[in-house]
Protein backbone atom coordinates (compact mmCIF):
# COMPACT_ATOMS: atom_id res chain seq x y z
CA MET A 1 -80.55 58.06 -78.52
CA THR A 2 -78.00 60.65 -77.28
CA GLN A 3 -74.16 60.19 -79.41
CA GLU A 4 -72.94 58.88 -76.01
CA ASN A 5 -75.61 55.86 -75.93
CA ILE A 6 -74.25 55.00 -79.50
CA PHE A 7 -72.14 51.64 -79.47
CA PRO A 8 -70.27 50.42 -82.45
CA LEU A 9 -72.40 47.49 -84.23
CA LEU A 10 -70.95 44.20 -83.02
CA ALA A 11 -70.76 41.14 -85.53
CA LYS A 12 -71.23 37.84 -84.81
CA GLU A 13 -68.40 36.08 -85.45
CA LEU A 14 -66.34 38.32 -83.64
CA LEU A 15 -68.10 37.19 -80.26
CA GLU A 16 -67.87 33.96 -81.44
CA SER A 17 -64.20 34.00 -81.44
CA LEU A 18 -63.91 36.01 -78.30
CA GLU A 19 -65.78 32.98 -76.83
CA GLU A 20 -63.46 30.49 -78.28
CA ARG A 21 -60.39 32.30 -76.94
CA PHE A 22 -61.53 33.34 -73.17
CA PRO A 23 -63.82 30.43 -72.91
CA GLN A 24 -65.85 30.21 -69.18
CA GLN A 25 -64.01 28.68 -66.93
CA ASP A 26 -64.74 26.28 -63.54
CA PHE A 27 -61.93 26.89 -60.90
CA GLY A 28 -60.92 24.97 -57.85
CA PRO A 29 -60.59 25.79 -54.34
CA GLY A 30 -56.62 26.98 -54.40
CA VAL A 31 -56.40 29.07 -57.49
CA ASP A 32 -54.69 31.88 -56.88
CA ILE A 33 -57.20 35.64 -56.10
CA ARG A 34 -55.59 37.67 -59.21
CA GLU A 35 -55.93 34.75 -61.63
CA LEU A 36 -59.51 34.45 -60.85
CA ASP A 37 -59.64 38.42 -60.96
CA TYR A 38 -58.40 38.14 -64.75
CA HIS A 39 -60.57 35.50 -65.91
CA TYR A 40 -63.79 37.16 -64.18
CA GLY A 41 -62.72 40.59 -65.61
CA GLN A 42 -62.25 39.11 -69.32
CA ARG A 43 -65.70 37.46 -69.23
CA SER A 44 -66.98 40.62 -68.01
CA VAL A 45 -66.65 42.65 -71.03
CA ILE A 46 -67.57 39.61 -73.02
CA ARG A 47 -70.15 39.11 -71.26
CA PHE A 48 -71.03 42.86 -71.87
CA LEU A 49 -70.23 42.72 -75.62
CA LEU A 50 -73.00 39.79 -75.79
CA LEU A 51 -75.51 42.28 -74.15
CA LYS A 52 -74.87 45.05 -76.14
CA PHE A 53 -74.93 42.32 -79.13
CA GLU A 54 -78.53 41.00 -78.35
CA GLU A 55 -80.10 44.96 -77.76
CA GLN A 56 -78.60 45.57 -81.52
CA VAL A 57 -80.29 42.42 -82.51
CA GLU A 58 -83.33 43.26 -80.71
CA ASN A 59 -83.35 46.83 -82.10
CA SER A 60 -82.86 45.60 -85.53
CA LEU A 61 -85.74 43.31 -85.50
CA THR A 62 -88.34 45.83 -84.02
CA SER A 63 -86.89 49.14 -85.68
CA ILE A 64 -89.08 50.20 -88.38
CA PRO A 65 -87.14 51.47 -91.35
CA ASP A 66 -87.51 53.99 -93.36
CA ILE A 67 -89.84 54.51 -95.87
């Protein structure tokens, strides 16, 4: 893995806190497009971090420790 691909370790507590502060929402038809953009931008970052966390968990379960 190259240096550019290394991502800092994520804490589960951080992700849970972000989910709580920026929950997924449903919007009605009269919502301003800017509000939708803002919300879905937040959710996009959270989804990215969740994906990275899942990758880190999977890698920690499948990696072979150095002996």
